[in-house]
Every structure is written in structure tokens, then in C-alpha cells.
Amino acid sequence: MNHIKDFFYNKSDVIIVLIILIAAGLLIYDRVGVIMDYPQKFAEDNKVQVEEQAEEPSAE
């Protein structure tokens, strides 16, 4: 029993770092689709704004 306790005490920093890296990797993997769609969505939103401004009559 003491051997197991010593193992976790000695390796706790490494275990915590691995848990954080795994959590970050899972979050990135989960969100990669949204991240990759962002430039297309930004371009579409920008196109809509430009079209709306072109349709507005100028005040001149």
C-alpha cells in the first residue's frame, strides 16, 4: 500500500499535466469543426453587410 502512495506522490505532477493535456486536446478536437468554419461564416456575414450597405440609398 505504501508503494502505491509513494508512486502517486512522486508522479502527481506528471499525472496532472497529462490530464490537462488530454482535456485541452479533447476540447480542441471537439471544436475543430467550428474553428474551421469560422472564415467561411465571417466571409458570408461580411458579404451580407456589404450588400445591405449597397442597397441603402445614399443621402446625397
N, C-alpha and C. Protein backbone atom coordinates (compact mmCIF):
# COMPACT_ATOMS: atom_id res chain seq x y z
N MET A 1 0.83 -1.20 0.00
CA MET A 1 0.00 0.00 0.00
C MET A 1 0.86 1.25 0.00
N ASN A 2 1.93 1.22 0.74
CA ASN A 2 2.82 2.38 0.82
C ASN A 2 3.49 2.64 -0.52
N HIS A 3 3.75 1.58 -1.27
CA HIS A 3 4.38 1.70 -2.58
C HIS A 3 3.47 2.47 -3.55
N ILE A 4 2.17 2.20 -3.52
CA ILE A 4 1.21 2.89 -4.39
C ILE A 4 1.13 4.36 -4.01
N LYS A 5 1.09 4.64 -2.72
CA LYS A 5 1.04 6.03 -2.26
C LYS A 5 2.28 6.79 -2.69
N ASP A 6 3.44 6.17 -2.57
CA ASP A 6 4.69 6.81 -2.98
C ASP A 6 4.71 7.06 -4.49
N PHE A 7 4.20 6.12 -5.26
CA PHE A 7 4.16 6.28 -6.72
C PHE A 7 3.34 7.51 -7.09
N PHE A 8 2.12 7.63 -6.55
CA PHE A 8 1.28 8.78 -6.86
C PHE A 8 1.87 10.08 -6.33
N TYR A 9 2.52 10.05 -5.21
CA TYR A 9 3.15 11.25 -4.66
C TYR A 9 4.29 11.70 -5.57
N ASN A 10 5.09 10.78 -6.06
CA ASN A 10 6.23 11.12 -6.90
C ASN A 10 5.81 11.51 -8.32
N LYS A 11 4.73 10.97 -8.81
CA LYS A 11 4.30 11.19 -10.19
C LYS A 11 3.08 12.11 -10.32
N SER A 12 2.64 12.72 -9.24
CA SER A 12 1.41 13.51 -9.28
C SER A 12 1.51 14.70 -10.24
N ASP A 13 2.66 15.36 -10.32
CA ASP A 13 2.81 16.49 -11.24
C ASP A 13 2.67 16.03 -12.69
N VAL A 14 3.28 14.92 -13.01
CA VAL A 14 3.21 14.40 -14.37
C VAL A 14 1.78 13.98 -14.69
N ILE A 15 1.12 13.36 -13.75
CA ILE A 15 -0.26 12.92 -13.96
C ILE A 15 -1.18 14.12 -14.18
N ILE A 16 -1.01 15.18 -13.41
CA ILE A 16 -1.83 16.39 -13.57
C ILE A 16 -1.59 17.02 -14.93
N VAL A 17 -0.34 17.11 -15.36
CA VAL A 17 -0.02 17.67 -16.67
C VAL A 17 -0.66 16.83 -17.78
N LEU A 18 -0.59 15.52 -17.67
CA LEU A 18 -1.21 14.65 -18.68
C LEU A 18 -2.73 14.84 -18.72
N ILE A 19 -3.34 14.98 -17.57
CA ILE A 19 -4.80 15.20 -17.52
C ILE A 19 -5.15 16.52 -18.19
N ILE A 20 -4.38 17.57 -17.93
CA ILE A 20 -4.63 18.88 -18.55
C ILE A 20 -4.44 18.80 -20.06
N LEU A 21 -3.37 18.13 -20.51
CA LEU A 21 -3.13 18.00 -21.95
C LEU A 21 -4.23 17.21 -22.64
N ILE A 22 -4.70 16.15 -22.00
CA ILE A 22 -5.78 15.36 -22.58
C ILE A 22 -7.06 16.18 -22.65
N ALA A 23 -7.36 16.94 -21.60
CA ALA A 23 -8.57 17.78 -21.60
C ALA A 23 -8.48 18.84 -22.69
N ALA A 24 -7.32 19.49 -22.83
CA ALA A 24 -7.15 20.50 -23.87
C ALA A 24 -7.28 19.87 -25.26
N GLY A 25 -6.69 18.72 -25.45
CA GLY A 25 -6.79 18.03 -26.73
C GLY A 25 -8.22 17.67 -27.07
N LEU A 26 -8.97 17.20 -26.10
CA LEU A 26 -10.38 16.86 -26.34
C LEU A 26 -11.20 18.09 -26.69
N LEU A 27 -10.95 19.20 -26.00
CA LEU A 27 -11.68 20.44 -26.31
C LEU A 27 -11.36 20.92 -27.72
N ILE A 28 -10.10 20.89 -28.10
CA ILE A 28 -9.71 21.32 -29.44
C ILE A 28 -10.31 20.39 -30.48
N TYR A 29 -10.24 19.09 -30.24
CA TYR A 29 -10.80 18.11 -31.17
C TYR A 29 -12.31 18.33 -31.34
N ASP A 30 -12.99 18.63 -30.24
CA ASP A 30 -14.43 18.85 -30.28
C ASP A 30 -14.78 20.11 -31.05
N ARG A 31 -13.97 21.16 -30.95
CA ARG A 31 -14.29 22.45 -31.54
C ARG A 31 -13.64 22.70 -32.90
N VAL A 32 -12.87 21.75 -33.42
CA VAL A 32 -12.12 21.98 -34.66
C VAL A 32 -13.06 22.28 -35.83
N GLY A 33 -14.22 21.68 -35.87
CA GLY A 33 -15.18 21.96 -36.93
C GLY A 33 -15.65 23.40 -36.90
N VAL A 34 -15.95 23.91 -35.73
CA VAL A 34 -16.38 25.30 -35.59
C VAL A 34 -15.24 26.25 -35.95
N ILE A 35 -14.04 25.91 -35.52
CA ILE A 35 -12.88 26.75 -35.82
C ILE A 35 -12.64 26.80 -37.33
N MET A 36 -12.77 25.68 -38.01
CA MET A 36 -12.53 25.64 -39.44
C MET A 36 -13.64 26.32 -40.24
N ASP A 37 -14.86 26.38 -39.70
CA ASP A 37 -15.97 27.03 -40.39
C ASP A 37 -15.97 28.54 -40.20
N TYR A 38 -15.21 29.06 -39.26
CA TYR A 38 -15.24 30.48 -38.94
C TYR A 38 -14.89 31.37 -40.13
N PRO A 39 -13.82 31.11 -40.89
CA PRO A 39 -13.52 32.02 -42.01
C PRO A 39 -14.66 32.09 -43.03
N GLN A 40 -15.31 30.96 -43.32
CA GLN A 40 -16.42 30.95 -44.27
C GLN A 40 -17.60 31.75 -43.71
N LYS A 41 -17.91 31.56 -42.44
CA LYS A 41 -19.02 32.29 -41.81
C LYS A 41 -18.72 33.78 -41.78
N PHE A 42 -17.48 34.15 -41.47
CA PHE A 42 -17.08 35.56 -41.44
C PHE A 42 -17.23 36.18 -42.82
N ALA A 43 -16.83 35.46 -43.87
CA ALA A 43 -16.94 35.96 -45.24
C ALA A 43 -18.41 36.15 -45.63
N GLU A 44 -19.27 35.19 -45.25
CA GLU A 44 -20.69 35.31 -45.58
C GLU A 44 -21.32 36.49 -44.85
N ASP A 45 -21.00 36.67 -43.57
CA ASP A 45 -21.54 37.80 -42.80
C ASP A 45 -21.08 39.13 -43.39
N ASN A 46 -19.82 39.19 -43.79
CA ASN A 46 -19.28 40.41 -44.36
C ASN A 46 -19.94 40.70 -45.70
N LYS A 47 -20.21 39.67 -46.50
CA LYS A 47 -20.87 39.84 -47.80
C LYS A 47 -22.28 40.39 -47.60
N VAL A 48 -23.01 39.89 -46.62
CA VAL A 48 -24.37 40.36 -46.34
C VAL A 48 -24.33 41.83 -45.94
N GLN A 49 -23.38 42.22 -45.11
CA GLN A 49 -23.27 43.62 -44.69
C GLN A 49 -22.97 44.53 -45.87
N VAL A 50 -22.09 44.11 -46.76
CA VAL A 50 -21.75 44.91 -47.93
C VAL A 50 -22.97 45.04 -48.84
N GLU A 51 -23.72 43.96 -49.02
CA GLU A 51 -24.91 44.02 -49.86
C GLU A 51 -25.97 44.93 -49.26
N GLU A 52 -26.13 44.90 -47.93
CA GLU A 52 -27.11 45.77 -47.28
C GLU A 52 -26.71 47.23 -47.43
N GLN A 53 -25.43 47.53 -47.33
CA GLN A 53 -24.99 48.91 -47.49
C GLN A 53 -25.16 49.37 -48.92
N ALA A 54 -25.01 48.49 -49.89
CA ALA A 54 -25.16 48.85 -51.29
C ALA A 54 -26.63 49.12 -51.63
N GLU A 55 -27.54 48.46 -50.93
CA GLU A 55 -28.97 48.65 -51.20
C GLU A 55 -29.52 49.94 -50.58
N GLU A 56 -28.90 50.46 -49.55
CA GLU A 56 -29.37 51.66 -48.90
C GLU A 56 -29.16 52.87 -49.82
N PRO A 57 -30.18 53.70 -49.96
CA PRO A 57 -30.00 54.90 -50.78
C PRO A 57 -29.05 55.87 -50.10
N SER A 58 -28.23 56.49 -50.87
CA SER A 58 -27.29 57.45 -50.28
C SER A 58 -28.02 58.75 -49.98
N ALA A 59 -27.52 59.49 -49.00
CA ALA A 59 -28.17 60.71 -48.54
C ALA A 59 -27.74 61.92 -49.35
N GLU A 60 -27.10 61.74 -50.44
CA GLU A 60 -26.63 62.87 -51.23
C GLU A 60 -27.71 63.47 -52.06
